[in-house]
Protein backbone atom coordinates (compact mmCIF):
# COMPACT_ATOMS: atom_id res chain seq x y z
CA MET A 1 75.42 -23.93 -65.53
CA THR A 2 74.93 -27.62 -64.82
CA ASP A 3 77.60 -29.94 -63.54
CA MET A 4 78.57 -32.58 -66.05
CA ILE A 5 79.91 -36.02 -65.15
CA GLN A 6 81.53 -38.70 -67.28
CA ILE A 7 79.84 -42.11 -67.36
CA PRO A 8 80.76 -45.28 -69.29
CA SER A 9 79.11 -45.49 -72.70
CA HIS A 10 80.58 -48.36 -74.71
CA ALA A 11 83.78 -50.03 -75.84
CA GLU A 12 85.22 -50.02 -79.35
CA ILE A 13 87.31 -52.99 -80.44
CA ASP A 14 89.56 -53.04 -83.50
CA VAL A 15 89.52 -56.46 -85.20
CA ARG A 16 91.74 -57.73 -88.02
CA ARG A 17 89.52 -60.19 -89.88
CA PRO A 18 90.90 -63.34 -91.56
CA ASP A 19 90.68 -61.65 -94.97
CA GLY A 20 93.03 -58.88 -93.73
CA SER A 21 90.42 -56.14 -93.39
CA ILE A 22 90.26 -54.12 -90.16
CA GLU A 23 86.87 -53.55 -88.58
CA THR A 24 85.81 -51.57 -85.52
CA VAL A 25 83.21 -53.40 -83.44
CA ILE A 26 81.13 -51.56 -80.83
CA LYS A 27 80.41 -53.46 -77.62
CA ALA A 28 77.49 -51.49 -76.22
CA GLY A 29 76.82 -51.00 -72.53
CA SER A 30 80.11 -52.25 -71.14
CA GLN A 31 83.69 -51.27 -70.45
CA LEU A 32 86.60 -53.62 -71.00
CA THR A 33 89.56 -54.42 -68.79
CA GLU A 34 92.92 -55.89 -69.80
CA HIS A 35 91.78 -59.25 -68.40
CA ASN A 36 88.49 -59.25 -70.35
CA PHE A 37 90.25 -58.13 -73.53
CA ALA A 38 92.86 -60.90 -73.25
CA ALA A 39 90.12 -63.52 -72.81
CA MET A 40 88.14 -62.14 -75.77
CA LYS A 41 91.30 -62.03 -77.88
CA ALA A 42 92.07 -65.70 -77.19
CA ALA A 43 88.46 -66.77 -77.85
CA THR A 44 88.25 -64.82 -81.11
CA LYS A 45 91.51 -66.30 -82.38
CA ALA A 46 90.44 -69.84 -81.36
CA ALA A 47 87.15 -69.40 -83.22
CA GLY A 48 89.00 -68.31 -86.36
CA ARG A 49 87.16 -64.96 -86.48
CA GLY A 50 90.30 -62.84 -86.66
CA GLU A 51 92.63 -61.08 -84.25
CA LEU A 52 91.66 -58.40 -81.76
CA ILE A 53 94.13 -55.54 -82.08
CA ALA A 54 93.08 -52.90 -79.54
CA TYR A 55 90.16 -51.56 -77.53
CA ARG A 56 89.01 -48.16 -76.32
CA ASN A 57 86.56 -47.49 -73.48
CA ILE A 58 84.34 -44.57 -74.49
CA THR A 59 82.61 -42.30 -71.97
CA LYS A 60 79.93 -39.69 -72.41
CA SER A 61 79.12 -36.47 -70.58
CA VAL A 62 75.75 -36.21 -68.88
CA ALA A 63 74.25 -33.75 -66.46
CA ALA A 64 74.85 -34.78 -62.85
CA PRO A 65 71.66 -35.91 -61.12
CA LYS A 66 70.25 -33.39 -58.68
CA PRO A 67 68.60 -34.52 -55.44
CA SER A 68 64.87 -34.00 -55.23
CA ALA A 69 63.19 -32.04 -52.45
CA ALA A 70 62.19 -35.37 -50.85
CA ASP A 71 65.82 -36.58 -50.87
CA ILE A 72 67.00 -33.36 -49.23
CA ALA A 73 64.26 -33.54 -46.58
CA GLU A 74 65.07 -37.19 -45.81
CA MET A 75 68.78 -36.49 -45.38
CA ASP A 76 67.98 -33.49 -43.16
CA HIS A 77 65.74 -35.72 -41.01
CA ILE A 78 68.45 -38.39 -40.74
CA ARG A 79 71.09 -35.82 -39.74
CA HIS A 80 68.76 -34.36 -37.12
CA GLN A 81 67.80 -37.75 -35.64
CA ASN A 82 71.41 -38.92 -35.52
CA ALA A 83 72.39 -35.69 -33.73
CA VAL A 84 69.68 -36.37 -31.13
CA TYR A 85 70.91 -39.97 -30.69
CA ARG A 86 74.52 -38.77 -30.26
CA ALA A 87 73.51 -36.16 -27.71
CA ALA A 88 71.52 -38.74 -25.75
CA ALA A 89 74.48 -41.14 -25.82
CA GLY A 90 76.94 -38.61 -24.44
CA GLY A 91 78.77 -38.09 -27.73
CA GLU A 92 79.40 -41.76 -28.53
CA ASN A 93 79.27 -42.87 -32.13
CA CYS A 94 75.74 -44.24 -32.28
CA ASP A 95 74.12 -43.19 -35.56
CA GLN A 96 70.98 -45.31 -35.57
CA ILE A 97 69.14 -44.55 -38.76
CA GLY A 98 69.75 -47.01 -41.52
CA GLY A 99 67.83 -49.30 -43.79
CA ALA A 100 65.93 -52.40 -42.76
CA ASN A 101 68.81 -54.48 -44.11
CA ASP A 102 71.24 -52.96 -41.58
CA ILE A 103 69.89 -55.22 -38.82
CA ASP A 104 71.09 -58.81 -38.58
CA ARG A 105 67.88 -60.84 -38.18
CA THR A 106 69.36 -64.29 -38.63
CA PRO A 107 68.20 -66.92 -36.10
CA ALA A 108 71.61 -66.87 -34.40
CA ASN A 109 71.22 -63.15 -33.64
CA LYS A 110 67.51 -63.03 -32.93
CA GLU A 111 66.83 -61.00 -29.78
CA ASP A 112 63.09 -61.42 -29.28
CA TYR A 113 63.12 -64.87 -27.64
């Protein structure tokens, strides 16, 4: 049995067109908020394209991603190295492994001069 998660799919917007017909428009790849909907409603009315009535954010179920063997091995290595660093530091919080972007290399913080 696989774990399923819900992810955003699209938004459906109900529009009353100037001729009185009601149409459902699909806005693919995005989810709406009250703020976005209010702005879209004002813009649609100003353009004379009708009136936005309501919106629904639709989600879909997909299988949760499973970590690869490489991901598991990397996390095991990081946990092991951080345990060694903590032991060497007498239990202080000193987890050292991070990405290259974790180090501030701006000229004001440069340490090699």
